[in-house]
Amino acid sequence: MVLPHAMEAIQGLYKAMSTGGVAQRTLELVHLRASQINGCSACVHAGVTGATKAGESADRLLAVAAWYESPLFDDAERAALALTEAATRLSDRPGQVTDELWDEARGHYDDKQLAAIILMIATTNFFNRINTTIKEPAGANWG
């Protein structure tokens, strides 16, 4: 790490996420989906590894890319994945995070949980941009 103090700040974000009350499996699905959208192979690899460690099944991991067509995800997970897609694809069109999408997420998660999900989305997008910029190979520095 070229800037060591950056890691301290990043670790603080993960610590905050872990206190949000969202199942680790859900946070891993959020991480994986954002990484798929952004084409970050290092983060997709890390996402699959983390989700597997959190107890995620191979069938569900294979279905994340097409979660909206899969019966394998519950309504709360669908709301988290929809929020992930909207917040990750901000440049595709104005107003990506619609009131309807937000209300659906609010129906499944409280403020603290939503904050944790949003932090995971933002942190994943942060890492996706770093890793694709420096061409970090999948598996090189990830668990």
Protein backbone atom coordinates (compact mmCIF):
# COMPACT_ATOMS: atom_id res chain seq x y z
CA MET A 1 0.00 0.00 0.00
CA VAL A 2 1.56 3.24 -1.14
CA LEU A 3 -0.45 5.37 1.31
CA PRO A 4 -0.58 3.42 4.59
CA HIS A 5 -3.05 5.77 6.28
CA ALA A 6 -5.60 4.95 3.60
CA MET A 7 -5.87 1.39 4.91
CA GLU A 8 -6.76 2.65 8.38
CA ALA A 9 -9.66 4.64 6.95
CA ILE A 10 -10.82 1.68 4.84
CA GLN A 11 -10.72 -0.62 7.87
CA GLY A 12 -12.91 1.90 9.67
CA LEU A 13 -15.51 1.64 6.91
CA TYR A 14 -15.58 -2.15 7.18
CA LYS A 15 -15.85 -1.93 10.97
CA ALA A 16 -18.82 0.43 10.62
CA MET A 17 -20.47 -1.90 8.06
CA SER A 18 -20.11 -4.85 10.41
CA THR A 19 -22.15 -3.05 13.08
CA GLY A 20 -25.07 -2.35 10.75
CA GLY A 21 -26.95 -5.55 11.42
CA VAL A 22 -27.01 -6.81 7.82
CA ALA A 23 -26.24 -10.49 7.24
CA GLN A 24 -22.68 -10.92 5.97
CA ARG A 25 -24.02 -13.06 3.13
CA THR A 26 -26.14 -10.12 1.94
CA LEU A 27 -23.21 -7.71 2.12
CA GLU A 28 -21.12 -10.18 0.12
CA LEU A 29 -23.84 -10.43 -2.55
CA VAL A 30 -23.90 -6.63 -2.75
CA HIS A 31 -20.11 -6.56 -3.13
CA LEU A 32 -20.16 -9.26 -5.80
CA ARG A 33 -22.92 -7.63 -7.85
CA ALA A 34 -21.30 -4.18 -7.89
CA SER A 35 -17.99 -5.77 -8.87
CA GLN A 36 -19.65 -7.69 -11.71
CA ILE A 37 -21.24 -4.51 -13.03
CA ASN A 38 -17.91 -2.67 -12.93
CA GLY A 39 -15.96 -5.54 -14.49
CA CYS A 40 -13.44 -5.74 -11.66
CA SER A 41 -11.99 -9.26 -11.81
CA ALA A 42 -10.00 -8.85 -8.58
CA CYS A 43 -13.14 -7.81 -6.69
CA VAL A 44 -15.33 -10.48 -8.31
CA HIS A 45 -12.77 -13.05 -7.16
CA ALA A 46 -12.73 -11.53 -3.67
CA GLY A 47 -16.53 -11.40 -3.66
CA VAL A 48 -16.92 -15.07 -4.51
CA THR A 49 -14.30 -15.99 -1.92
CA GLY A 50 -15.92 -13.85 0.78
CA ALA A 51 -19.43 -15.03 -0.01
CA THR A 52 -18.32 -18.65 0.08
CA LYS A 53 -16.68 -18.10 3.48
CA ALA A 54 -19.94 -16.50 4.67
CA GLY A 55 -21.81 -19.68 3.69
CA GLU A 56 -23.18 -18.67 0.30
CA SER A 57 -24.05 -21.54 -2.07
CA ALA A 58 -22.51 -22.03 -5.50
CA ASP A 59 -25.99 -21.96 -7.09
CA ARG A 60 -26.74 -18.53 -5.69
CA LEU A 61 -23.30 -17.18 -6.55
CA LEU A 62 -23.79 -18.29 -10.14
CA ALA A 63 -27.19 -16.58 -10.20
CA VAL A 64 -26.11 -13.17 -8.87
CA ALA A 65 -25.49 -11.74 -12.34
CA ALA A 66 -29.15 -12.43 -13.21
CA TRP A 67 -30.65 -12.12 -9.71
CA TYR A 68 -33.78 -10.38 -11.03
CA GLU A 69 -34.76 -13.55 -12.93
CA SER A 70 -33.74 -16.03 -10.24
CA PRO A 71 -36.05 -17.50 -7.60
CA LEU A 72 -33.04 -18.08 -5.33
CA PHE A 73 -33.10 -14.64 -3.67
CA ASP A 74 -35.62 -13.41 -1.11
CA ASP A 75 -37.34 -10.02 -1.26
CA ALA A 76 -34.86 -8.35 1.12
CA GLU A 77 -31.89 -9.57 -0.91
CA ARG A 78 -33.60 -8.40 -4.10
CA ALA A 79 -34.06 -4.94 -2.58
CA ALA A 80 -30.37 -4.81 -1.61
CA LEU A 81 -29.30 -5.97 -5.07
CA ALA A 82 -31.61 -3.47 -6.79
CA LEU A 83 -30.17 -0.68 -4.66
CA THR A 84 -26.68 -1.92 -5.53
CA GLU A 85 -27.37 -1.82 -9.24
CA ALA A 86 -28.94 1.64 -9.12
CA ALA A 87 -26.21 3.18 -6.96
CA THR A 88 -23.46 1.56 -9.04
CA ARG A 89 -24.95 2.63 -12.38
CA LEU A 90 -25.42 6.30 -11.48
CA SER A 91 -24.06 7.53 -14.80
CA ASP A 92 -26.49 5.44 -16.87
CA ARG A 93 -29.34 7.90 -16.29
CA PRO A 94 -30.30 10.63 -13.80
CA GLY A 95 -32.34 9.52 -10.81
CA GLN A 96 -31.19 5.92 -10.72
CA VAL A 97 -32.15 5.48 -7.07
CA THR A 98 -35.88 6.10 -7.46
CA ASP A 99 -38.30 6.70 -4.60
CA GLU A 100 -39.92 3.35 -5.40
CA LEU A 101 -36.60 1.52 -5.19
CA TRP A 102 -35.70 3.33 -1.95
CA ASP A 103 -39.11 2.57 -0.41
CA GLU A 104 -38.70 -1.12 -1.27
CA ALA A 105 -35.32 -1.19 0.46
CA ARG A 106 -36.76 0.69 3.46
CA GLY A 107 -39.43 -1.98 3.71
CA HIS A 108 -36.75 -4.58 4.46
CA TYR A 109 -33.98 -2.66 6.22
CA ASP A 110 -33.85 -0.06 8.97
CA ASP A 111 -31.69 3.08 8.83
CA LYS A 112 -28.63 1.39 10.31
CA GLN A 113 -28.89 -1.55 7.92
CA LEU A 114 -29.39 0.71 4.92
CA ALA A 115 -26.33 2.71 5.96
CA ALA A 116 -24.28 -0.51 6.06
CA ILE A 117 -25.52 -1.57 2.62
CA ILE A 118 -24.79 1.86 1.15
CA LEU A 119 -21.31 1.82 2.69
CA MET A 120 -20.69 -1.60 1.12
CA ILE A 121 -21.87 -0.35 -2.27
CA ALA A 122 -19.69 2.77 -2.06
CA THR A 123 -16.63 0.94 -0.72
CA THR A 124 -16.94 -1.75 -3.39
CA ASN A 125 -17.20 0.88 -6.12
CA PHE A 126 -14.13 2.58 -4.62
CA PHE A 127 -12.12 -0.66 -4.76
CA ASN A 128 -13.44 -1.51 -8.24
CA ARG A 129 -12.12 1.77 -9.56
CA ILE A 130 -8.73 1.37 -7.93
CA ASN A 131 -8.28 -2.25 -9.00
CA THR A 132 -9.39 -1.77 -12.59
CA THR A 133 -7.18 1.32 -12.91
CA ILE A 134 -4.06 -0.48 -11.70
CA LYS A 135 -5.07 -3.72 -13.46
CA GLU A 136 -4.99 -5.76 -10.27
CA PRO A 137 -5.17 -9.43 -11.30
CA ALA A 138 -7.82 -11.63 -9.74
CA GLY A 139 -6.50 -13.54 -6.76
CA ALA A 140 -3.15 -11.74 -6.53
CA ASN A 141 -3.77 -10.01 -3.19
CA TRP A 142 -7.17 -11.28 -2.12
CA GLY A 143 -8.17 -13.92 0.40
